[in-house]
């Protein structure tokens, strides 16, 4: 009887691990109209980040001109750096996608995902090249493991 319970337990563990380990988990980190930032995790190892934006959309009073995404693990050299979209100066939809692989170290810190925008007040007609510093926002979230 004890062997049957142990065998059943092992089978349940295997089924649970294989079904959850191979699932892709997509997190919409930010969305406002066509402006979107998302991160997809595969196998608790591979991460795909995506950002898209257009300056033509009034995003809560802001015109998003450019954006970036970044994956990194604190206290390691694993860092994509800020990966920027092209500028959206005439309302075109621009996007960027990056892939990041986690470390196999089970004691490493969690993967961090960061994104941000270069923005000006919507309808102001200001371009980022005519002012010294456009408004920059950065956001961060822990993902993975």
N, C-alpha and C. Protein backbone atom coordinates (compact mmCIF):
# COMPACT_ATOMS: atom_id res chain seq x y z
N UNK A 1 0.82 -1.19 0.00
CA UNK A 1 0.00 0.00 0.00
C UNK A 1 0.87 1.26 0.00
N UNK A 2 1.95 1.24 0.79
CA UNK A 2 2.84 2.39 0.90
C UNK A 2 3.53 2.69 -0.44
N UNK A 3 3.90 1.63 -1.19
CA UNK A 3 4.53 1.83 -2.50
C UNK A 3 3.55 2.47 -3.48
N UNK A 4 2.27 2.11 -3.40
CA UNK A 4 1.27 2.68 -4.30
C UNK A 4 1.10 4.18 -4.03
N UNK A 5 1.08 4.57 -2.77
CA UNK A 5 0.93 5.99 -2.41
C UNK A 5 2.16 6.77 -2.87
N UNK A 6 3.34 6.20 -2.64
CA UNK A 6 4.57 6.85 -3.07
C UNK A 6 4.61 7.00 -4.58
N UNK A 7 4.23 5.95 -5.30
CA UNK A 7 4.22 6.00 -6.77
C UNK A 7 3.22 7.04 -7.27
N UNK A 8 2.05 7.08 -6.66
CA UNK A 8 1.04 8.06 -7.05
C UNK A 8 1.53 9.48 -6.79
N UNK A 9 2.19 9.68 -5.68
CA UNK A 9 2.73 10.99 -5.33
C UNK A 9 3.79 11.43 -6.35
N UNK A 10 4.67 10.53 -6.72
CA UNK A 10 5.72 10.84 -7.70
C UNK A 10 5.10 11.17 -9.06
N UNK A 11 4.09 10.43 -9.47
CA UNK A 11 3.42 10.70 -10.74
C UNK A 11 2.76 12.07 -10.71
N UNK A 12 2.10 12.41 -9.61
CA UNK A 12 1.47 13.73 -9.49
C UNK A 12 2.51 14.84 -9.55
N UNK A 13 3.64 14.65 -8.92
CA UNK A 13 4.70 15.65 -8.97
C UNK A 13 5.22 15.84 -10.39
N UNK A 14 5.43 14.75 -11.09
CA UNK A 14 5.93 14.83 -12.46
C UNK A 14 4.92 15.55 -13.36
N UNK A 15 3.66 15.21 -13.25
CA UNK A 15 2.62 15.84 -14.08
C UNK A 15 2.52 17.33 -13.75
N UNK A 16 2.54 17.65 -12.47
CA UNK A 16 2.46 19.05 -12.06
C UNK A 16 3.66 19.83 -12.57
N UNK A 17 4.86 19.29 -12.42
CA UNK A 17 6.06 20.00 -12.85
C UNK A 17 6.09 20.18 -14.36
N UNK A 18 5.78 19.14 -15.11
CA UNK A 18 5.89 19.25 -16.56
C UNK A 18 4.84 20.17 -17.15
N UNK A 19 3.65 20.19 -16.59
CA UNK A 19 2.63 21.07 -17.15
C UNK A 19 2.88 22.53 -16.79
N UNK A 20 3.41 22.79 -15.60
CA UNK A 20 3.65 24.18 -15.23
C UNK A 20 4.99 24.68 -15.76
N UNK A 21 5.96 23.82 -15.90
CA UNK A 21 7.29 24.25 -16.34
C UNK A 21 7.30 24.64 -17.82
N UNK A 22 6.39 24.09 -18.60
CA UNK A 22 6.40 24.38 -20.03
C UNK A 22 5.38 25.43 -20.43
N UNK A 23 4.69 25.97 -19.46
CA UNK A 23 3.70 27.00 -19.78
C UNK A 23 4.38 28.34 -20.03
N UNK A 24 3.82 29.10 -20.93
CA UNK A 24 4.28 30.46 -21.17
C UNK A 24 3.37 31.39 -20.37
N UNK A 25 3.97 32.27 -19.61
CA UNK A 25 3.22 33.20 -18.79
C UNK A 25 3.46 34.61 -19.31
N UNK A 26 2.41 35.25 -19.80
CA UNK A 26 2.52 36.61 -20.31
C UNK A 26 1.92 37.58 -19.30
N UNK A 27 2.67 38.61 -18.98
CA UNK A 27 2.20 39.64 -18.07
C UNK A 27 2.14 40.96 -18.83
N UNK A 28 0.94 41.53 -18.88
CA UNK A 28 0.80 42.88 -19.44
C UNK A 28 1.21 43.83 -18.32
N UNK A 29 2.34 44.46 -18.47
CA UNK A 29 2.88 45.31 -17.43
C UNK A 29 2.26 46.70 -17.50
N UNK A 30 1.99 47.17 -18.72
CA UNK A 30 1.42 48.50 -18.91
C UNK A 30 0.62 48.50 -20.20
N UNK A 31 -0.58 49.09 -20.15
CA UNK A 31 -1.33 49.27 -21.38
C UNK A 31 -2.22 50.49 -21.24
N UNK A 32 -2.14 51.35 -22.22
CA UNK A 32 -3.00 52.52 -22.32
C UNK A 32 -3.22 52.76 -23.81
N UNK A 33 -4.40 52.39 -24.30
CA UNK A 33 -4.65 52.47 -25.73
C UNK A 33 -3.67 51.59 -26.47
N UNK A 34 -3.04 52.11 -27.53
CA UNK A 34 -2.09 51.30 -28.29
C UNK A 34 -0.72 51.18 -27.61
N UNK A 35 -0.48 51.95 -26.57
CA UNK A 35 0.80 51.89 -25.86
C UNK A 35 0.79 50.67 -24.95
N UNK A 36 1.80 49.81 -25.11
CA UNK A 36 1.78 48.51 -24.46
C UNK A 36 3.18 48.08 -24.06
N UNK A 37 3.29 47.49 -22.87
CA UNK A 37 4.54 46.87 -22.42
C UNK A 37 4.16 45.51 -21.84
N UNK A 38 4.85 44.45 -22.29
CA UNK A 38 4.56 43.12 -21.75
C UNK A 38 5.83 42.28 -21.66
N UNK A 39 5.76 41.29 -20.79
CA UNK A 39 6.85 40.35 -20.60
C UNK A 39 6.28 38.94 -20.63
N UNK A 40 6.92 38.06 -21.39
CA UNK A 40 6.49 36.66 -21.45
C UNK A 40 7.62 35.78 -20.94
N UNK A 41 7.27 34.89 -20.02
CA UNK A 41 8.25 33.98 -19.41
C UNK A 41 8.02 32.57 -19.94
N UNK A 42 9.08 31.92 -20.39
CA UNK A 42 9.02 30.55 -20.88
C UNK A 42 9.93 29.67 -20.03
N UNK A 43 9.41 28.59 -19.55
CA UNK A 43 10.19 27.57 -18.85
C UNK A 43 10.93 28.08 -17.61
N UNK A 44 10.53 29.20 -17.06
CA UNK A 44 11.21 29.83 -15.93
C UNK A 44 12.68 30.09 -16.24
N UNK A 45 12.97 30.31 -17.53
CA UNK A 45 14.36 30.52 -17.95
C UNK A 45 14.49 31.57 -19.04
N UNK A 46 13.57 31.57 -19.98
CA UNK A 46 13.63 32.50 -21.12
C UNK A 46 12.56 33.57 -20.95
N UNK A 47 12.93 34.82 -21.19
CA UNK A 47 12.02 35.94 -21.06
C UNK A 47 12.03 36.75 -22.36
N UNK A 48 10.85 37.13 -22.83
CA UNK A 48 10.73 37.96 -24.02
C UNK A 48 9.95 39.21 -23.63
N UNK A 49 10.59 40.37 -23.79
CA UNK A 49 9.97 41.64 -23.49
C UNK A 49 9.55 42.35 -24.76
N UNK A 50 8.45 43.09 -24.67
CA UNK A 50 7.93 43.79 -25.84
C UNK A 50 7.37 45.14 -25.40
N UNK A 51 7.65 46.17 -26.18
CA UNK A 51 7.09 47.50 -25.95
C UNK A 51 6.66 48.07 -27.29
N UNK A 52 5.50 48.73 -27.30
CA UNK A 52 5.07 49.47 -28.48
C UNK A 52 4.40 50.75 -28.02
N UNK A 53 4.52 51.80 -28.85
CA UNK A 53 3.92 53.08 -28.51
C UNK A 53 3.73 53.93 -29.74
N UNK A 54 2.90 54.93 -29.59
CA UNK A 54 2.71 55.93 -30.63
C UNK A 54 2.54 57.29 -29.97
N UNK A 55 3.14 58.30 -30.55
CA UNK A 55 3.03 59.65 -30.00
C UNK A 55 1.67 60.27 -30.30
N UNK A 56 0.89 59.66 -31.19
CA UNK A 56 -0.40 60.21 -31.58
C UNK A 56 -1.48 60.00 -30.51
N UNK A 57 -1.21 59.14 -29.55
CA UNK A 57 -2.23 58.80 -28.54
C UNK A 57 -2.04 59.64 -27.28
N UNK A 58 -3.14 60.18 -26.75
CA UNK A 58 -3.13 60.94 -25.50
C UNK A 58 -3.13 59.95 -24.34
N UNK A 59 -1.96 59.69 -23.80
CA UNK A 59 -1.78 58.72 -22.72
C UNK A 59 -1.80 59.47 -21.37
N UNK A 60 -3.01 59.72 -20.88
CA UNK A 60 -3.18 60.44 -19.61
C UNK A 60 -2.46 61.79 -19.61
N UNK A 61 -2.59 62.51 -20.73
CA UNK A 61 -1.98 63.83 -20.82
C UNK A 61 -0.56 63.85 -21.35
N UNK A 62 -0.04 62.68 -21.72
CA UNK A 62 1.33 62.58 -22.22
C UNK A 62 1.36 62.02 -23.63
N UNK A 63 2.34 62.45 -24.37
CA UNK A 63 2.64 61.89 -25.67
C UNK A 63 3.93 61.09 -25.51
N UNK A 64 3.84 59.79 -25.69
CA UNK A 64 5.00 58.90 -25.53
C UNK A 64 5.80 58.93 -26.83
N UNK A 65 7.01 59.46 -26.77
CA UNK A 65 7.84 59.62 -27.96
C UNK A 65 8.79 58.45 -28.20
N UNK A 66 9.23 57.86 -27.12
CA UNK A 66 10.19 56.75 -27.21
C UNK A 66 10.08 55.96 -25.92
N UNK A 67 10.38 54.67 -25.99
CA UNK A 67 10.33 53.84 -24.79
C UNK A 67 11.47 52.85 -24.78
N UNK A 68 11.68 52.26 -23.62
CA UNK A 68 12.72 51.22 -23.51
C UNK A 68 12.24 50.10 -22.60
N UNK A 69 12.86 48.95 -22.78
CA UNK A 69 12.68 47.81 -21.88
C UNK A 69 14.05 47.28 -21.51
N UNK A 70 14.10 46.62 -20.36
CA UNK A 70 15.38 46.12 -19.86
C UNK A 70 15.12 44.93 -18.95
N UNK A 71 15.90 43.87 -19.10
CA UNK A 71 15.92 42.75 -18.17
C UNK A 71 17.29 42.73 -17.49
N UNK A 72 17.31 42.37 -16.22
CA UNK A 72 18.60 42.20 -15.54
C UNK A 72 18.42 41.40 -14.27
N UNK A 73 19.53 40.88 -13.77
CA UNK A 73 19.58 40.20 -12.48
C UNK A 73 20.51 41.01 -11.61
N UNK A 74 20.03 41.55 -10.48
CA UNK A 74 20.88 42.38 -9.62
C UNK A 74 22.14 41.63 -9.17
N UNK A 75 23.20 42.37 -9.02
CA UNK A 75 24.47 41.86 -8.50
C UNK A 75 25.11 40.81 -9.40
N UNK A 76 24.77 40.86 -10.70
CA UNK A 76 25.42 39.98 -11.68
C UNK A 76 25.71 40.81 -12.92
N UNK A 77 26.37 40.20 -13.89
CA UNK A 77 26.63 40.91 -15.15
C UNK A 77 25.54 40.63 -16.19
N UNK A 78 24.48 39.94 -15.79
CA UNK A 78 23.39 39.64 -16.71
C UNK A 78 22.46 40.85 -16.79
N UNK A 79 22.57 41.61 -17.89
CA UNK A 79 21.82 42.85 -18.05
C UNK A 79 21.74 43.18 -19.53
N UNK A 80 20.55 43.41 -20.02
CA UNK A 80 20.40 43.78 -21.44
C UNK A 80 20.73 45.25 -21.66
N UNK A 81 20.74 46.03 -20.59
CA UNK A 81 20.81 47.47 -20.75
C UNK A 81 19.47 47.97 -21.27
N UNK A 82 19.33 49.25 -21.39
CA UNK A 82 18.08 49.82 -21.91
C UNK A 82 18.01 49.63 -23.42
N UNK A 83 17.00 48.94 -23.88
CA UNK A 83 16.79 48.69 -25.31
C UNK A 83 15.64 49.58 -25.77
N UNK A 84 15.97 50.62 -26.55
CA UNK A 84 15.01 51.65 -26.93
C UNK A 84 14.28 51.34 -28.23
N UNK A 85 13.05 51.83 -28.31
CA UNK A 85 12.34 51.87 -29.59
C UNK A 85 12.90 53.01 -30.41
N UNK A 86 12.54 53.09 -31.67
CA UNK A 86 12.81 54.29 -32.45
C UNK A 86 11.92 55.41 -31.91
N UNK A 87 12.18 56.64 -32.33
CA UNK A 87 11.34 57.77 -31.95
C UNK A 87 10.04 57.72 -32.73
N UNK A 88 8.95 58.08 -32.06
CA UNK A 88 7.65 58.23 -32.73
C UNK A 88 7.33 59.71 -32.74
N UNK A 89 7.79 60.40 -33.77
CA UNK A 89 7.63 61.86 -33.81
C UNK A 89 6.43 62.30 -34.63
N UNK A 90 5.95 61.45 -35.53
CA UNK A 90 4.81 61.82 -36.38
C UNK A 90 3.63 60.87 -36.20
N UNK A 91 3.54 60.28 -35.02
CA UNK A 91 2.41 59.40 -34.73
C UNK A 91 2.56 57.98 -35.19
N UNK A 92 3.71 57.60 -35.73
CA UNK A 92 3.90 56.22 -36.18
C UNK A 92 3.98 55.29 -34.96
N UNK A 93 3.54 54.05 -35.16
CA UNK A 93 3.61 53.03 -34.13
C UNK A 93 5.00 52.41 -34.17
N UNK A 94 5.74 52.48 -33.07
CA UNK A 94 7.08 51.90 -33.02
C UNK A 94 7.10 50.84 -31.93
N UNK A 95 8.01 49.86 -32.08
CA UNK A 95 8.06 48.77 -31.10
C UNK A 95 9.48 48.23 -30.98
N UNK A 96 9.68 47.45 -29.94
CA UNK A 96 10.97 46.79 -29.69
C UNK A 96 10.68 45.49 -28.95
N UNK A 97 11.41 44.43 -29.32
CA UNK A 97 11.30 43.14 -28.63
C UNK A 97 12.70 42.65 -28.30
N UNK A 98 12.88 42.13 -27.07
CA UNK A 98 14.17 41.58 -26.68
C UNK A 98 13.97 40.24 -25.98
N UNK A 99 15.01 39.41 -26.01
CA UNK A 99 14.99 38.11 -25.34
C UNK A 99 16.11 38.08 -24.32
N UNK A 100 15.82 37.50 -23.16
CA UNK A 100 16.77 37.43 -22.05
C UNK A 100 16.71 36.02 -21.46
N UNK A 101 17.88 35.47 -21.14
CA UNK A 101 17.94 34.15 -20.53
C UNK A 101 18.42 34.26 -19.10
N UNK A 102 17.68 33.61 -18.20
CA UNK A 102 18.00 33.62 -16.77
C UNK A 102 19.25 32.78 -16.51
N UNK A 103 19.83 32.98 -15.36
CA UNK A 103 20.95 32.15 -14.94
C UNK A 103 20.41 30.80 -14.45
N UNK A 104 21.23 29.79 -14.50
CA UNK A 104 20.82 28.48 -13.97
C UNK A 104 21.13 28.35 -12.48
N UNK A 105 21.67 29.39 -11.89
CA UNK A 105 21.98 29.40 -10.46
C UNK A 105 20.68 29.49 -9.65
N UNK A 106 20.34 28.45 -8.88
CA UNK A 106 19.09 28.48 -8.12
C UNK A 106 19.10 29.49 -6.97
N UNK A 107 20.27 30.01 -6.61
CA UNK A 107 20.36 30.96 -5.50
C UNK A 107 20.45 32.41 -5.99
N UNK A 108 20.42 32.61 -7.29
CA UNK A 108 20.50 33.96 -7.84
C UNK A 108 19.22 34.73 -7.53
N UNK A 109 19.32 36.04 -7.53
CA UNK A 109 18.14 36.87 -7.32
C UNK A 109 17.20 36.74 -8.51
N UNK A 110 15.96 37.16 -8.31
CA UNK A 110 14.96 37.08 -9.37
C UNK A 110 15.29 38.04 -10.51
N UNK A 111 14.82 37.66 -11.69
CA UNK A 111 14.97 38.52 -12.86
C UNK A 111 14.13 39.78 -12.65
N UNK A 112 14.68 40.92 -13.02
CA UNK A 112 13.95 42.18 -12.94
C UNK A 112 13.63 42.65 -14.36
N UNK A 113 12.47 43.25 -14.53
CA UNK A 113 12.04 43.81 -15.80
C UNK A 113 11.74 45.29 -15.57
N UNK A 114 12.34 46.12 -16.40
CA UNK A 114 12.20 47.56 -16.24
C UNK A 114 11.76 48.15 -17.57
N UNK A 115 10.94 49.18 -17.51
CA UNK A 115 10.56 49.89 -18.73
C UNK A 115 10.40 51.37 -18.42
N UNK A 116 10.44 52.18 -19.46
CA UNK A 116 10.28 53.61 -19.27
C UNK A 116 9.96 54.30 -20.58
N UNK A 117 9.60 55.59 -20.46
CA UNK A 117 9.22 56.38 -21.62
C UNK A 117 9.91 57.73 -21.59
N UNK A 118 10.17 58.27 -22.76
CA UNK A 118 10.50 59.68 -22.94
C UNK A 118 9.20 60.32 -23.42
N UNK A 119 8.69 61.28 -22.66
CA UNK A 119 7.37 61.83 -22.92
C UNK A 119 7.38 63.35 -22.87
N UNK A 120 6.43 63.95 -23.57
CA UNK A 120 6.18 65.39 -23.48
C UNK A 120 4.67 65.56 -23.30
N UNK A 121 4.22 66.71 -22.79
CA UNK A 121 2.77 66.92 -22.66
C UNK A 121 2.07 66.76 -24.00
N UNK A 122 0.96 66.04 -24.00
CA UNK A 122 0.23 65.76 -25.24
C UNK A 122 -0.25 67.07 -25.87
N UNK A 123 -0.05 67.20 -27.17
CA UNK A 123 -0.51 68.37 -27.91
C UNK A 123 0.35 69.60 -27.76
N UNK A 124 1.47 69.48 -27.05
CA UNK A 124 2.33 70.65 -26.82
C UNK A 124 3.15 71.03 -28.04
N UNK A 125 3.33 70.07 -28.95
CA UNK A 125 4.15 70.35 -30.12
C UNK A 125 5.64 70.35 -29.83
N UNK A 126 5.99 70.09 -28.58
CA UNK A 126 7.40 70.06 -28.19
C UNK A 126 8.01 68.76 -28.69
N UNK A 127 9.16 68.85 -29.29
CA UNK A 127 9.90 67.66 -29.67
C UNK A 127 11.06 67.49 -28.70
N UNK A 128 11.50 66.29 -28.48
CA UNK A 128 12.55 66.07 -27.48
C UNK A 128 13.87 66.74 -27.83
N UNK A 129 14.04 67.13 -29.10
CA UNK A 129 15.29 67.75 -29.50
C UNK A 129 15.30 69.25 -29.22
N UNK A 130 14.12 69.80 -28.86
CA UNK A 130 14.04 71.24 -28.61
C UNK A 130 14.04 71.57 -27.12
N UNK A 131 14.01 70.56 -26.27
CA UNK A 131 14.10 70.79 -24.83
C UNK A 131 15.26 69.98 -24.29
N UNK A 132 15.83 70.41 -23.21
CA UNK A 132 17.04 69.74 -22.71
C UNK A 132 16.76 68.32 -22.24
N UNK A 133 15.66 68.10 -21.53
CA UNK A 133 15.36 66.76 -21.02
C UNK A 133 13.87 66.49 -21.10
N UNK A 134 13.46 65.58 -21.96
CA UNK A 134 12.05 65.20 -21.92
C UNK A 134 11.75 64.49 -20.61
N UNK A 135 10.50 64.45 -20.22
CA UNK A 135 10.12 63.76 -18.99
C UNK A 135 10.39 62.27 -19.18
N UNK A 136 11.16 61.69 -18.30
CA UNK A 136 11.48 60.27 -18.38
C UNK A 136 10.88 59.56 -17.18
N UNK A 137 10.20 58.45 -17.43
CA UNK A 137 9.63 57.65 -16.36
C UNK A 137 10.24 56.26 -16.45
N UNK A 138 10.49 55.64 -15.32
CA UNK A 138 11.00 54.27 -15.29
C UNK A 138 10.22 53.48 -14.26
N UNK A 139 9.93 52.24 -14.58
CA UNK A 139 9.17 51.37 -13.70
C UNK A 139 9.89 50.02 -13.66
N UNK A 140 9.74 49.30 -12.57
CA UNK A 140 10.44 48.04 -12.40
C UNK A 140 9.52 47.03 -11.74
N UNK A 141 9.67 45.77 -12.11
CA UNK A 141 8.91 44.71 -11.48
C UNK A 141 9.76 43.45 -11.40
N UNK A 142 9.54 42.63 -10.37
CA UNK A 142 10.23 41.34 -10.25
C UNK A 142 9.41 40.30 -10.98
N UNK A 143 10.10 39.44 -11.71
CA UNK A 143 9.43 38.34 -12.40
C UNK A 143 10.28 37.11 -12.25
N UNK A 144 9.72 36.00 -12.60
CA UNK A 144 10.50 34.77 -12.65
C UNK A 144 10.55 34.02 -11.34
N UNK A 145 11.21 32.90 -11.45
CA UNK A 145 11.42 31.94 -10.36
C UNK A 145 10.27 31.95 -9.39
